Amino acid sequence: MTITDAGTSNLVAVEPGAIREDTPAGSVIQYSDYELDESSPFAGGAAWIEGEFIPAEDAKISIFDTGFGHSDLTYTVAHVWHGNIFRLGDHLDRLLDGAAKLRLDAGYAKDELAEITKKCVSLSQLRESFVNLTVTRGYGKRKGEKDLTKLTNQVYIYAIPYLWAFPPAEQIFGTTAVVPRHVRRAGRNTVDPTIKNYQWGDLTAASFEAKDRGARTAILMDADNCVAEGPGFNVVIVKDGKLASPSRNALPGITRKTVFEIADQMGIEATLRDVTSHELYEADELMAVTTAGGVTPINTLDGEPIGNGEPGPLTVAIRDRFWALMDEPSPLIEPITY
């Protein structure tokens, strides 16, 4: 299958009011068969803001929150598939670690955040859900307060229909990417890449360049011409049957962690290290890995085929195993009580 429509957005959302995206028949990506109880105001999306559960369509935050004004925050995105939330504990650990590095106080213990998160999903009734948890610097009693010691940190959580960084069809048949000519990933000496953040100026510029050049997405290099990451995803290369992924200027992704665990179980060597631009272009296979897109084969880079221009065997095997994990009882998943 050739991808001809690169779209206009990084995230592919279902139509308003819908809870499913089209998926290739017979593929490993299939939605649950259920319907929402529309009598509930939370059906299809729920949020938790300032200590209160509200319907997602009513979710609003203060314009004086410095998370909005200064991007002074950290966040994580977990997902629910077939009614199971995946690696919530790992997501909360990363969220709270990032908050501590930024001197943010969520004000809730890990277990408390987990219960609030699962309640949002339960209220939404969504069996497949995109779940965002954000901790911000917050706001003070005085509008526009600049004294950081007078700000009350805030936690916002919401569960909405699954958002895709790459549509299901592209996860099965492959997608396209470019290396931006005009932007590099922000250096780790300016923005700590281990803290998930909304400082997306470079990622957004790269995304626009990718669209202008007819590709779905971009893979950014750093100032040393090593691979960093893409807009919302980690990059994994395959060469001579081995996996490698950037160890610097890249978020320690939960999905990448899962990919490396799968590789280990398959007896495949997987290493975090510097990955050069030469290695990127010479890869046998290339994949984008993210909560909002699973494991997606990248078939072409800058218009040239990766390998034979089709999803590679290791990428396909890892992708299929990843989605199988969503249904297998294990410590990685926790069923939501609806």
C-alpha atoms as a PDB file:
ATOM      1  CA  MET A   1       0.000   0.000   0.000  1.00  0.00           C
ATOM      2  CA  THR A   2       1.306   3.450  -0.897  1.00  0.00           C
ATOM      3  CA  ILE A   3       0.596   6.314   1.467  1.00  0.00           C
ATOM      4  CA  THR A   4      -0.437   9.281  -0.655  1.00  0.00           C
ATOM      5  CA  ASP A   5      -2.322  11.389   1.871  1.00  0.00           C
ATOM      6  CA  ALA A   6       0.031  12.651   4.558  1.00  0.00           C
ATOM      7  CA  GLY A   7      -2.782  14.512   6.275  1.00  0.00           C
ATOM      8  CA  THR A   8      -2.539  17.844   8.014  1.00  0.00           C
ATOM      9  CA  SER A   9      -2.026  16.837  11.623  1.00  0.00           C
ATOM     10  CA  ASN A  10       0.307  14.739  13.714  1.00  0.00           C
ATOM     11  CA  LEU A  11      -2.565  13.200  15.646  1.00  0.00           C
ATOM     12  CA  VAL A  12      -5.398  11.492  13.826  1.00  0.00           C
ATOM     13  CA  ALA A  13      -8.645  11.811  15.770  1.00  0.00           C
ATOM     14  CA  VAL A  14     -11.927  10.071  15.144  1.00  0.00           C
ATOM     15  CA  GLU A  15     -14.785  12.249  13.958  1.00  0.00           C
ATOM     16  CA  PRO A  16     -16.637  14.202  16.663  1.00  0.00           C
ATOM     17  CA  GLY A  17     -18.895  11.823  18.566  1.00  0.00           C
ATOM     18  CA  ALA A  18     -17.198   8.733  17.140  1.00  0.00           C
ATOM     19  CA  ILE A  19     -15.146   6.258  19.175  1.00  0.00           C
ATOM     20  CA  ARG A  20     -13.390   4.295  16.409  1.00  0.00           C
ATOM     21  CA  GLU A  21     -10.985   4.888  13.535  1.00  0.00           C
ATOM     22  CA  ASP A  22     -11.002   2.667  10.447  1.00  0.00           C
ATOM     23  CA  THR A  23      -8.602  -0.273  10.776  1.00  0.00           C
ATOM     24  CA  PRO A  24      -7.418  -2.725   8.107  1.00  0.00           C
ATOM     25  CA  ALA A  25      -9.589  -5.842   8.076  1.00  0.00           C
ATOM     26  CA  GLY A  26      -7.925  -8.851   9.665  1.00  0.00           C
ATOM     27  CA  SER A  27      -5.032  -6.810  11.087  1.00  0.00           C
ATOM     28  CA  VAL A  28      -3.733  -6.941  14.667  1.00  0.00           C
ATOM     29  CA  ILE A  29      -5.325  -3.538  15.354  1.00  0.00           C
ATOM     30  CA  GLN A  30      -9.045  -3.960  15.966  1.00  0.00           C
ATOM     31  CA  TYR A  31     -11.379  -1.983  18.204  1.00  0.00           C
ATOM     32  CA  SER A  32     -13.710  -3.482  20.799  1.00  0.00           C
ATOM     33  CA  ASP A  33     -17.317  -4.096  19.778  1.00  0.00           C
ATOM     34  CA  TYR A  34     -19.450  -2.004  22.129  1.00  0.00           C
ATOM     35  CA  GLU A  35     -21.622   1.082  22.248  1.00  0.00           C
ATOM     36  CA  LEU A  36     -21.678   4.005  24.658  1.00  0.00           C
ATOM     37  CA  ASP A  37     -24.508   4.626  27.070  1.00  0.00           C
ATOM     38  CA  GLU A  38     -25.329   8.124  25.863  1.00  0.00           C
ATOM     39  CA  SER A  39     -27.476   8.828  28.924  1.00  0.00           C
ATOM     40  CA  SER A  40     -24.273   9.584  30.843  1.00  0.00           C
ATOM     41  CA  PRO A  41     -22.784  13.068  30.326  1.00  0.00           C
ATOM     42  CA  PHE A  42     -19.324  11.462  30.585  1.00  0.00           C
ATOM     43  CA  ALA A  43     -19.902   9.046  27.687  1.00  0.00           C
ATOM     44  CA  GLY A  44     -17.063   9.378  25.202  1.00  0.00           C
ATOM     45  CA  GLY A  45     -14.728  11.431  27.401  1.00  0.00           C
ATOM     46  CA  ALA A  46     -14.095  12.424  31.000  1.00  0.00           C
ATOM     47  CA  ALA A  47     -11.673  14.808  32.692  1.00  0.00           C
ATOM     48  CA  TRP A  48     -10.461  15.576  36.202  1.00  0.00           C
ATOM     49  CA  ILE A  49      -9.746  19.252  36.825  1.00  0.00           C
ATOM     50  CA  GLU A  50      -9.170  20.948  40.161  1.00  0.00           C
ATOM     51  CA  GLY A  51     -10.439  17.957  42.089  1.00  0.00           C
ATOM     52  CA  GLU A  52     -13.627  17.397  40.096  1.00  0.00           C
ATOM     53  CA  PHE A  53     -14.673  14.900  37.430  1.00  0.00           C
ATOM     54  CA  ILE A  54     -16.342  16.637  34.476  1.00  0.00           C
ATOM     55  CA  PRO A  55     -17.384  15.665  30.935  1.00  0.00           C
ATOM     56  CA  ALA A  56     -14.457  16.102  28.550  1.00  0.00           C
ATOM     57  CA  GLU A  57     -16.411  18.564  26.403  1.00  0.00           C
ATOM     58  CA  ASP A  58     -16.694  20.870  29.428  1.00  0.00           C
ATOM     59  CA  ALA A  59     -13.002  20.666  30.366  1.00  0.00           C
ATOM     60  CA  LYS A  60     -11.375  24.093  30.772  1.00  0.00           C
ATOM     61  CA  ILE A  61      -8.336  25.419  32.618  1.00  0.00           C
ATOM     62  CA  SER A  62      -7.324  28.903  33.709  1.00  0.00           C
ATOM     63  CA  ILE A  63      -5.537  31.057  31.138  1.00  0.00           C
ATOM     64  CA  PHE A  64      -3.384  32.194  34.059  1.00  0.00           C
ATOM     65  CA  ASP A  65      -1.948  28.716  34.598  1.00  0.00           C
ATOM     66  CA  THR A  66       1.780  28.952  33.846  1.00  0.00           C
ATOM     67  CA  GLY A  67       1.512  25.560  32.189  1.00  0.00           C
ATOM     68  CA  PHE A  68      -0.355  27.460  29.485  1.00  0.00           C
ATOM     69  CA  GLY A  69       1.609  30.700  29.679  1.00  0.00           C
ATOM     70  CA  HIS A  70       5.140  29.308  29.997  1.00  0.00           C
ATOM     71  CA  SER A  71       4.794  25.601  29.154  1.00  0.00           C
ATOM     72  CA  ASP A  72       5.890  25.091  32.757  1.00  0.00           C
ATOM     73  CA  LEU A  73       4.723  21.526  33.176  1.00  0.00           C
ATOM     74  CA  THR A  74       5.308  17.872  32.528  1.00  0.00           C
ATOM     75  CA  TYR A  75       2.901  15.236  31.279  1.00  0.00           C
ATOM     76  CA  THR A  76       2.515  11.668  30.147  1.00  0.00           C
ATOM     77  CA  VAL A  77       0.112   9.837  27.860  1.00  0.00           C
ATOM     78  CA  ALA A  78      -1.033   6.314  28.629  1.00  0.00           C
ATOM     79  CA  HIS A  79      -3.464   4.287  26.591  1.00  0.00           C
ATOM     80  CA  VAL A  80      -6.328   1.873  27.067  1.00  0.00           C
ATOM     81  CA  TRP A  81      -6.918  -0.922  24.578  1.00  0.00           C
ATOM     82  CA  HIS A  82      -9.693  -3.518  24.793  1.00  0.00           C
ATOM     83  CA  GLY A  83     -10.538  -2.167  28.225  1.00  0.00           C
ATOM     84  CA  ASN A  84      -7.030  -2.627  29.643  1.00  0.00           C
ATOM     85  CA  ILE A  85      -4.779   0.283  30.635  1.00  0.00           C
ATOM     86  CA  PHE A  86      -1.185  -0.369  29.597  1.00  0.00           C
ATOM     87  CA  ARG A  87       1.841   0.270  31.822  1.00  0.00           C
ATOM     88  CA  LEU A  88       0.108   2.920  33.923  1.00  0.00           C
ATOM     89  CA  GLY A  89       2.655   2.454  36.711  1.00  0.00           C
ATOM     90  CA  ASP A  90       5.548   3.198  34.356  1.00  0.00           C
ATOM     91  CA  HIS A  91       3.793   6.295  33.053  1.00  0.00           C
ATOM     92  CA  LEU A  92       3.175   7.571  36.561  1.00  0.00           C
ATOM     93  CA  ASP A  93       6.782   6.918  37.561  1.00  0.00           C
ATOM     94  CA  ARG A  94       8.020   8.990  34.605  1.00  0.00           C
ATOM     95  CA  LEU A  95       5.473  11.727  35.286  1.00  0.00           C
ATOM     96  CA  LEU A  96       6.415  12.048  38.944  1.00  0.00           C
ATOM     97  CA  ASP A  97      10.134  11.847  38.166  1.00  0.00           C
ATOM     98  CA  GLY A  98       9.766  14.683  35.654  1.00  0.00           C
ATOM     99  CA  ALA A  99       7.717  16.694  38.118  1.00  0.00           C
ATOM    100  CA  ALA A 100      10.425  16.300  40.770  1.00  0.00           C
ATOM    101  CA  LYS A 101      13.110  17.478  38.330  1.00  0.00           C
ATOM    102  CA  LEU A 102      11.014  20.583  37.605  1.00  0.00           C
ATOM    103  CA  ARG A 103      10.303  21.111  41.311  1.00  0.00           C
ATOM    104  CA  LEU A 104       6.601  20.528  40.752  1.00  0.00           C
ATOM    105  CA  ASP A 105       4.451  18.873  43.407  1.00  0.00           C
ATOM    106  CA  ALA A 106       1.501  16.905  42.065  1.00  0.00           C
ATOM    107  CA  GLY A 107      -0.008  16.884  45.545  1.00  0.00           C
ATOM    108  CA  TYR A 108      -1.106  13.272  45.131  1.00  0.00           C
ATOM    109  CA  ALA A 109       0.609   9.952  45.673  1.00  0.00           C
ATOM    110  CA  LYS A 110       1.180   7.597  42.762  1.00  0.00           C
ATOM    111  CA  ASP A 111      -1.667   5.294  43.846  1.00  0.00           C
ATOM    112  CA  GLU A 112      -4.055   8.237  44.139  1.00  0.00           C
ATOM    113  CA  LEU A 113      -3.216   9.433  40.626  1.00  0.00           C
ATOM    114  CA  ALA A 114      -3.715   5.896  39.324  1.00  0.00           C
ATOM    115  CA  GLU A 115      -7.214   5.702  40.829  1.00  0.00           C
ATOM    116  CA  ILE A 116      -8.212   9.103  39.445  1.00  0.00           C
ATOM    117  CA  THR A 117      -6.925   8.099  36.015  1.00  0.00           C
ATOM    118  CA  LYS A 118      -8.807   4.812  35.973  1.00  0.00           C
ATOM    119  CA  LYS A 119     -11.966   6.581  37.153  1.00  0.00           C
ATOM    120  CA  CYS A 120     -11.733   8.979  34.201  1.00  0.00           C
ATOM    121  CA  VAL A 121     -11.555   6.014  31.834  1.00  0.00           C
ATOM    122  CA  SER A 122     -14.383   4.220  33.597  1.00  0.00           C
ATOM    123  CA  LEU A 123     -16.641   7.261  33.428  1.00  0.00           C
ATOM    124  CA  SER A 124     -15.857   7.720  29.738  1.00  0.00           C
ATOM    125  CA  GLN A 125     -16.895   4.099  29.003  1.00  0.00           C
ATOM    126  CA  LEU A 126     -14.129   4.024  26.378  1.00  0.00           C
ATOM    127  CA  ARG A 127     -12.547   0.626  25.766  1.00  0.00           C
ATOM    128  CA  GLU A 128      -9.919   2.301  23.566  1.00  0.00           C
ATOM    129  CA  SER A 129      -8.704   5.565  25.006  1.00  0.00           C
ATOM    130  CA  PHE A 130      -5.963   8.199  24.898  1.00  0.00           C
ATOM    131  CA  VAL A 131      -5.264   9.142  28.520  1.00  0.00           C
ATOM    132  CA  ASN A 132      -3.364  12.349  29.333  1.00  0.00           C
ATOM    133  CA  LEU A 133      -1.980  13.258  32.774  1.00  0.00           C
ATOM    134  CA  THR A 134      -0.413  16.705  33.217  1.00  0.00           C
ATOM    135  CA  VAL A 135       1.179  18.457  36.188  1.00  0.00           C
ATOM    136  CA  THR A 136       1.558  22.241  35.812  1.00  0.00           C
ATOM    137  CA  ARG A 137       3.117  25.023  37.874  1.00  0.00           C
ATOM    138  CA  GLY A 138      -0.425  26.318  38.223  1.00  0.00           C
ATOM    139  CA  TYR A 139      -1.556  29.797  39.184  1.00  0.00           C
ATOM    140  CA  GLY A 140      -1.790  32.063  42.216  1.00  0.00           C
ATOM    141  CA  LYS A 141      -4.491  34.041  43.951  1.00  0.00           C
ATOM    142  CA  ARG A 142      -3.444  37.128  42.012  1.00  0.00           C
ATOM    143  CA  LYS A 143      -4.101  36.981  38.283  1.00  0.00           C
ATOM    144  CA  GLY A 144      -0.815  36.678  36.419  1.00  0.00           C
ATOM    145  CA  GLU A 145       1.178  36.010  39.596  1.00  0.00           C
ATOM    146  CA  LYS A 146       4.916  35.808  38.786  1.00  0.00           C
ATOM    147  CA  ASP A 147       6.224  34.741  42.192  1.00  0.00           C
ATOM    148  CA  LEU A 148       6.778  30.996  41.757  1.00  0.00           C
ATOM    149  CA  THR A 149       6.422  30.413  45.488  1.00  0.00           C
ATOM    150  CA  LYS A 150       2.854  31.711  45.379  1.00  0.00           C
ATOM    151  CA  LEU A 151       1.615  29.385  42.647  1.00  0.00           C
ATOM    152  CA  THR A 152      -0.500  26.320  43.390  1.00  0.00           C
ATOM    153  CA  ASN A 153       0.523  23.375  41.209  1.00  0.00           C
ATOM    154  CA  GLN A 154      -2.298  21.722  39.290  1.00  0.00           C
ATOM    155  CA  VAL A 155      -3.025  18.222  37.992  1.00  0.00           C
ATOM    156  CA  TYR A 156      -5.203  17.689  34.928  1.00  0.00           C
ATOM    157  CA  ILE A 157      -6.245  14.243  33.672  1.00  0.00           C
ATOM    158  CA  TYR A 158      -8.497  13.262  30.813  1.00  0.00           C
ATOM    159  CA  ALA A 159      -9.592  10.192  28.861  1.00  0.00           C
ATOM    160  CA  ILE A 160     -10.846  10.646  25.296  1.00  0.00           C
ATOM    161  CA  PRO A 161     -11.179   8.393  22.222  1.00  0.00           C
ATOM    162  CA  TYR A 162      -7.848   6.988  21.072  1.00  0.00           C
ATOM    163  CA  LEU A 163      -5.642   9.441  19.163  1.00  0.00           C
ATOM    164  CA  TRP A 164      -3.254   8.086  16.569  1.00  0.00           C
ATOM    165  CA  ALA A 165       0.151   9.561  15.753  1.00  0.00           C
ATOM    166  CA  PHE A 166      -0.043   7.248  12.744  1.00  0.00           C
ATOM    167  CA  PRO A 167      -3.367   5.916  11.433  1.00  0.00           C
ATOM    168  CA  PRO A 168      -3.886   2.158  11.867  1.00  0.00           C
ATOM    169  CA  ALA A 169      -3.433   1.571   8.132  1.00  0.00           C
ATOM    170  CA  GLU A 170       0.025   3.158   8.263  1.00  0.00           C
ATOM    171  CA  GLN A 171       0.948   1.008  11.236  1.00  0.00           C
ATOM    172  CA  ILE A 172       0.187  -2.027   9.131  1.00  0.00           C
ATOM    173  CA  PHE A 173       1.440  -0.907   5.714  1.00  0.00           C
ATOM    174  CA  GLY A 174       4.039   1.690   6.677  1.00  0.00           C
ATOM    175  CA  THR A 175       4.449   5.456   6.656  1.00  0.00           C
ATOM    176  CA  THR A 176       6.790   8.128   5.309  1.00  0.00           C
ATOM    177  CA  ALA A 177       9.282  10.495   6.947  1.00  0.00           C
ATOM    178  CA  VAL A 178      11.864  13.136   6.155  1.00  0.00           C
ATOM    179  CA  VAL A 179      14.874  14.527   7.972  1.00  0.00           C
ATOM    180  CA  PRO A 180      14.215  18.283   8.309  1.00  0.00           C
ATOM    181  CA  ARG A 181      16.644  20.566   6.485  1.00  0.00           C
ATOM    182  CA  HIS A 182      15.844  23.651   8.515  1.00  0.00           C
ATOM    183  CA  VAL A 183      15.502  22.627  12.166  1.00  0.00           C
ATOM    184  CA  ARG A 184      17.402  20.516  14.705  1.00  0.00           C
ATOM    185  CA  ARG A 185      16.198  19.055  17.985  1.00  0.00           C
ATOM    186  CA  ALA A 186      16.699  21.402  20.933  1.00  0.00           C
ATOM    187  CA  GLY A 187      19.855  20.536  22.845  1.00  0.00           C
ATOM    188  CA  ARG A 188      19.668  18.615  26.086  1.00  0.00           C
ATOM    189  CA  ASN A 189      21.529  21.481  27.750  1.00  0.00           C
ATOM    190  CA  THR A 190      18.487  23.705  27.134  1.00  0.00           C
ATOM    191  CA  VAL A 191      15.516  21.315  27.430  1.00  0.00           C
ATOM    192  CA  ASP A 192      15.911  18.118  29.443  1.00  0.00           C
ATOM    193  CA  PRO A 193      14.732  15.395  27.032  1.00  0.00           C
ATOM    194  CA  THR A 194      13.995  12.998  29.912  1.00  0.00           C
ATOM    195  CA  ILE A 195      11.129  15.270  31.034  1.00  0.00           C
ATOM    196  CA  LYS A 196       8.106  14.952  28.765  1.00  0.00           C
ATOM    197  CA  ASN A 197       7.093  18.500  27.884  1.00  0.00           C
ATOM    198  CA  TYR A 198       5.088  20.716  25.542  1.00  0.00           C
ATOM    199  CA  GLN A 199       8.050  22.773  24.328  1.00  0.00           C
ATOM    200  CA  TRP A 200       7.384  21.646  20.787  1.00  0.00           C
ATOM    201  CA  GLY A 201       8.681  24.578  18.731  1.00  0.00           C
ATOM    202  CA  ASP A 202      11.288  22.469  16.926  1.00  0.00           C
ATOM    203  CA  LEU A 203       8.985  19.465  16.587  1.00  0.00           C
ATOM    204  CA  THR A 204       6.181  21.616  15.172  1.00  0.00           C
ATOM    205  CA  ALA A 205       8.507  23.294  12.645  1.00  0.00           C
ATOM    206  CA  ALA A 206       9.742  19.837  11.602  1.00  0.00           C
ATOM    207  CA  SER A 207       6.157  18.617  11.215  1.00  0.00           C
ATOM    208  CA  PHE A 208       5.271  21.503   8.921  1.00  0.00           C
ATOM    209  CA  GLU A 209       8.365  20.846   6.838  1.00  0.00           C
ATOM    210  CA  ALA A 210       7.411  17.182   6.542  1.00  0.00           C
ATOM    211  CA  LYS A 211       3.935  18.131   5.297  1.00  0.00           C
ATOM    212  CA  ASP A 212       5.431  20.596   2.824  1.00  0.00           C
ATOM    213  CA  ARG A 213       7.615  17.812   1.459  1.00  0.00           C
ATOM    214  CA  GLY A 214       4.760  15.312   1.196  1.00  0.00           C
ATOM    215  CA  ALA A 215       5.634  13.080   4.142  1.00  0.00           C
ATOM    216  CA  ARG A 216       3.673  12.067   7.210  1.00  0.00           C
ATOM    217  CA  THR A 217       6.321  12.970   9.784  1.00  0.00           C
ATOM    218  CA  ALA A 218       9.905  13.988  10.531  1.00  0.00           C
ATOM    219  CA  ILE A 219      12.945  12.538  12.267  1.00  0.00           C
ATOM    220  CA  LEU A 220      15.043  15.261  13.857  1.00  0.00           C
ATOM    221  CA  MET A 221      18.809  15.264  14.234  1.00  0.00           C
ATOM    222  CA  ASP A 222      20.662  16.999  17.047  1.00  0.00           C
ATOM    223  CA  ALA A 223      23.458  19.553  16.805  1.00  0.00           C
ATOM    224  CA  ASP A 224      26.040  16.764  16.528  1.00  0.00           C
ATOM    225  CA  ASN A 225      24.218  15.193  13.566  1.00  0.00           C
ATOM    226  CA  CYS A 226      23.023  12.270  15.651  1.00  0.00           C
ATOM    227  CA  VAL A 227      19.425  11.042  15.565  1.00  0.00           C
ATOM    228  CA  ALA A 228      17.203  12.532  18.284  1.00  0.00           C
ATOM    229  CA  GLU A 229      13.484  11.740  17.939  1.00  0.00           C
ATOM    230  CA  GLY A 230      10.333  12.613  16.028  1.00  0.00           C
ATOM    231  CA  PRO A 231       7.267  14.655  16.983  1.00  0.00           C
ATOM    232  CA  GLY A 232       5.921  12.451  19.758  1.00  0.00           C
ATOM    233  CA  PHE A 233       7.825   9.263  18.983  1.00  0.00           C
ATOM    234  CA  ASN A 234      11.111   7.462  19.508  1.00  0.00           C
ATOM    235  CA  VAL A 235      13.099   6.210  16.539  1.00  0.00           C
ATOM    236  CA  VAL A 236      14.397   2.643  16.365  1.00  0.00           C
ATOM    237  CA  ILE A 237      16.656   1.404  13.569  1.00  0.00           C
ATOM    238  CA  VAL A 238      17.280  -2.184  12.527  1.00  0.00           C
ATOM    239  CA  LYS A 239      20.614  -3.160  10.988  1.00  0.00           C
ATOM    240  CA  ASP A 240      21.946  -6.667  10.489  1.00  0.00           C
ATOM    241  CA  GLY A 241      19.263  -8.095  12.765  1.00  0.00           C
ATOM    242  CA  LYS A 242      20.021  -5.735  15.675  1.00  0.00           C
ATOM    243  CA  LEU A 243      18.040  -2.814  17.129  1.00  0.00           C
ATOM    244  CA  ALA A 244      19.423   0.558  18.164  1.00  0.00           C
ATOM    245  CA  SER A 245      17.780   3.757  19.399  1.00  0.00           C
ATOM    246  CA  PRO A 246      19.148   7.167  20.412  1.00  0.00           C
ATOM    247  CA  SER A 247      20.327   7.425  24.008  1.00  0.00           C
ATOM    248  CA  ARG A 248      20.449  11.247  24.068  1.00  0.00           C
ATOM    249  CA  ASN A 249      18.140  14.086  23.071  1.00  0.00           C
ATOM    250  CA  ALA A 250      15.267  11.621  23.197  1.00  0.00           C
ATOM    251  CA  LEU A 251      12.524  10.889  25.703  1.00  0.00           C
ATOM    252  CA  PRO A 252      12.859   7.549  27.539  1.00  0.00           C
ATOM    253  CA  GLY A 253       9.700   6.255  25.914  1.00  0.00           C
ATOM    254  CA  ILE A 254       7.447   3.663  27.544  1.00  0.00           C
ATOM    255  CA  THR A 255       6.626   2.127  24.161  1.00  0.00           C
ATOM    256  CA  ARG A 256      10.332   1.961  23.275  1.00  0.00           C
ATOM    257  CA  LYS A 257      10.943   0.216  26.593  1.00  0.00           C
ATOM    258  CA  THR A 258       8.301  -2.327  25.598  1.00  0.00           C
ATOM    259  CA  VAL A 259       9.875  -2.770  22.150  1.00  0.00           C
ATOM    260  CA  PHE A 260      13.256  -3.482  23.731  1.00  0.00           C
ATOM    261  CA  GLU A 261      11.686  -6.005  26.116  1.00  0.00           C
ATOM    262  CA  ILE A 262       9.991  -7.744  23.195  1.00  0.00           C
ATOM    263  CA  ALA A 263      13.279  -7.814  21.294  1.00  0.00           C
ATOM    264  CA  ASP A 264      15.021  -9.354  24.299  1.00  0.00           C
ATOM    265  CA  GLN A 265      12.353 -12.060  24.525  1.00  0.00           C
ATOM    266  CA  MET A 266      12.925 -12.781  20.823  1.00  0.00           C
ATOM    267  CA  GLY A 267      16.683 -13.026  21.306  1.00  0.00           C
ATOM    268  CA  ILE A 268      17.296  -9.811  19.356  1.00  0.00           C
ATOM    269  CA  GLU A 269      20.051  -7.459  20.516  1.00  0.00           C
ATOM    270  CA  ALA A 270      18.737  -3.962  21.301  1.00  0.00           C
ATOM    271  CA  THR A 271      20.962  -1.077  22.369  1.00  0.00           C
ATOM    272  CA  LEU A 272      20.497   2.526  23.480  1.00  0.00           C
ATOM    273  CA  ARG A 273      23.382   4.564  22.041  1.00  0.00           C
ATOM    274  CA  ASP A 274      24.262   7.413  19.724  1.00  0.00           C
ATOM    275  CA  VAL A 275      22.815   6.771  16.266  1.00  0.00           C
ATOM    276  CA  THR A 276      24.423   8.697  13.436  1.00  0.00           C
ATOM    277  CA  SER A 277      22.695  10.158  10.393  1.00  0.00           C
ATOM    278  CA  HIS A 278      24.623   7.668   8.247  1.00  0.00           C
ATOM    279  CA  GLU A 279      23.170   4.767  10.243  1.00  0.00           C
ATOM    280  CA  LEU A 280      19.678   6.201   9.867  1.00  0.00           C
ATOM    281  CA  TYR A 281      19.858   6.305   6.077  1.00  0.00           C
ATOM    282  CA  GLU A 282      21.574   2.909   5.856  1.00  0.00           C
ATOM    283  CA  ALA A 283      19.110   1.095   8.135  1.00  0.00           C
ATOM    284  CA  ASP A 284      17.558  -2.163   6.961  1.00  0.00           C
ATOM    285  CA  GLU A 285      14.342  -1.267   8.780  1.00  0.00           C
ATOM    286  CA  LEU A 286      13.092   1.834  10.540  1.00  0.00           C
ATOM    287  CA  MET A 287      10.272   2.206  13.022  1.00  0.00           C
ATOM    288  CA  ALA A 288       8.519   4.945  14.965  1.00  0.00           C
ATOM    289  CA  VAL A 289       7.382   3.860  18.433  1.00  0.00           C
ATOM    290  CA  THR A 290       4.894   5.775  20.580  1.00  0.00           C
ATOM    291  CA  THR A 291       1.882   5.338  22.857  1.00  0.00           C
ATOM    292  CA  ALA A 292      -0.269   7.104  20.262  1.00  0.00           C
ATOM    293  CA  GLY A 293       0.820   4.817  17.473  1.00  0.00           C
ATOM    294  CA  GLY A 294       2.327   1.599  18.734  1.00  0.00           C
ATOM    295  CA  VAL A 295       5.059   0.367  16.399  1.00  0.00           C
ATOM    296  CA  THR A 296       4.877   1.923  12.937  1.00  0.00           C
ATOM    297  CA  PRO A 297       7.148   0.916  10.037  1.00  0.00           C
ATOM    298  CA  ILE A 298       8.754   3.824   8.181  1.00  0.00           C
ATOM    299  CA  ASN A 299       9.030   2.726   4.550  1.00  0.00           C
ATOM    300  CA  THR A 300      10.673   5.774   3.014  1.00  0.00           C
ATOM    301  CA  LEU A 301      13.020   8.474   4.272  1.00  0.00           C
ATOM    302  CA  ASP A 302      13.435  11.657   2.225  1.00  0.00           C
ATOM    303  CA  GLY A 303      11.561   9.897  -0.578  1.00  0.00           C
ATOM    304  CA  GLU A 304      13.980   6.963  -0.741  1.00  0.00           C
ATOM    305  CA  PRO A 305      13.018   3.424   0.329  1.00  0.00           C
ATOM    306  CA  ILE A 306      14.225   1.939   3.584  1.00  0.00           C
ATOM    307  CA  GLY A 307      15.263  -1.611   2.732  1.00  0.00           C
ATOM    308  CA  ASN A 308      12.876  -2.773   0.033  1.00  0.00           C
ATOM    309  CA  GLY A 309      10.362  -0.043   0.840  1.00  0.00           C
ATOM    310  CA  GLU A 310       8.033  -2.400   2.716  1.00  0.00           C
ATOM    311  CA  PRO A 311       7.581  -3.084   6.445  1.00  0.00           C
ATOM    312  CA  GLY A 312      10.529  -5.244   7.516  1.00  0.00           C
ATOM    313  CA  PRO A 313      10.203  -8.658   9.192  1.00  0.00           C
ATOM    314  CA  LEU A 314      11.549  -7.600  12.603  1.00  0.00           C
ATOM    315  CA  THR A 315       9.367  -4.496  12.692  1.00  0.00           C
ATOM    316  CA  VAL A 316       6.292  -6.542  11.798  1.00  0.00           C
ATOM    317  CA  ALA A 317       7.071  -9.227  14.381  1.00  0.00           C
ATOM    318  CA  ILE A 318       7.613  -6.651  17.133  1.00  0.00           C
ATOM    319  CA  ARG A 319       4.523  -4.663  16.121  1.00  0.00           C
ATOM    320  CA  ASP A 320       2.297  -7.740  16.191  1.00  0.00           C
ATOM    321  CA  ARG A 321       3.697  -8.840  19.536  1.00  0.00           C
ATOM    322  CA  PHE A 322       3.161  -5.339  20.956  1.00  0.00           C
ATOM    323  CA  TRP A 323      -0.539  -5.382  20.160  1.00  0.00           C
ATOM    324  CA  ALA A 324      -0.883  -8.947  21.459  1.00  0.00           C
ATOM    325  CA  LEU A 325       0.329  -7.706  24.848  1.00  0.00           C
ATOM    326  CA  MET A 326      -2.799  -5.566  25.157  1.00  0.00           C
ATOM    327  CA  ASP A 327      -4.899  -8.686  25.795  1.00  0.00           C
ATOM    328  CA  GLU A 328      -2.513 -11.031  27.620  1.00  0.00           C
ATOM    329  CA  PRO A 329      -2.888 -11.090  31.409  1.00  0.00           C
ATOM    330  CA  SER A 330       0.354  -9.714  32.841  1.00  0.00           C
ATOM    331  CA  PRO A 331       1.641  -6.983  35.173  1.00  0.00           C
ATOM    332  CA  LEU A 332       1.747  -4.691  32.107  1.00  0.00           C
ATOM    333  CA  ILE A 333      -2.024  -4.306  31.879  1.00  0.00           C
ATOM    334  CA  GLU A 334      -4.817  -3.605  34.310  1.00  0.00           C
ATOM    335  CA  PRO A 335      -8.489  -4.072  33.408  1.00  0.00           C
ATOM    336  CA  ILE A 336     -10.681  -1.019  33.833  1.00  0.00           C
ATOM    337  CA  THR A 337     -13.878  -1.510  35.820  1.00  0.00           C
ATOM    338  CA  TYR A 338     -16.696   0.069  33.823  1.00  0.00           C
END
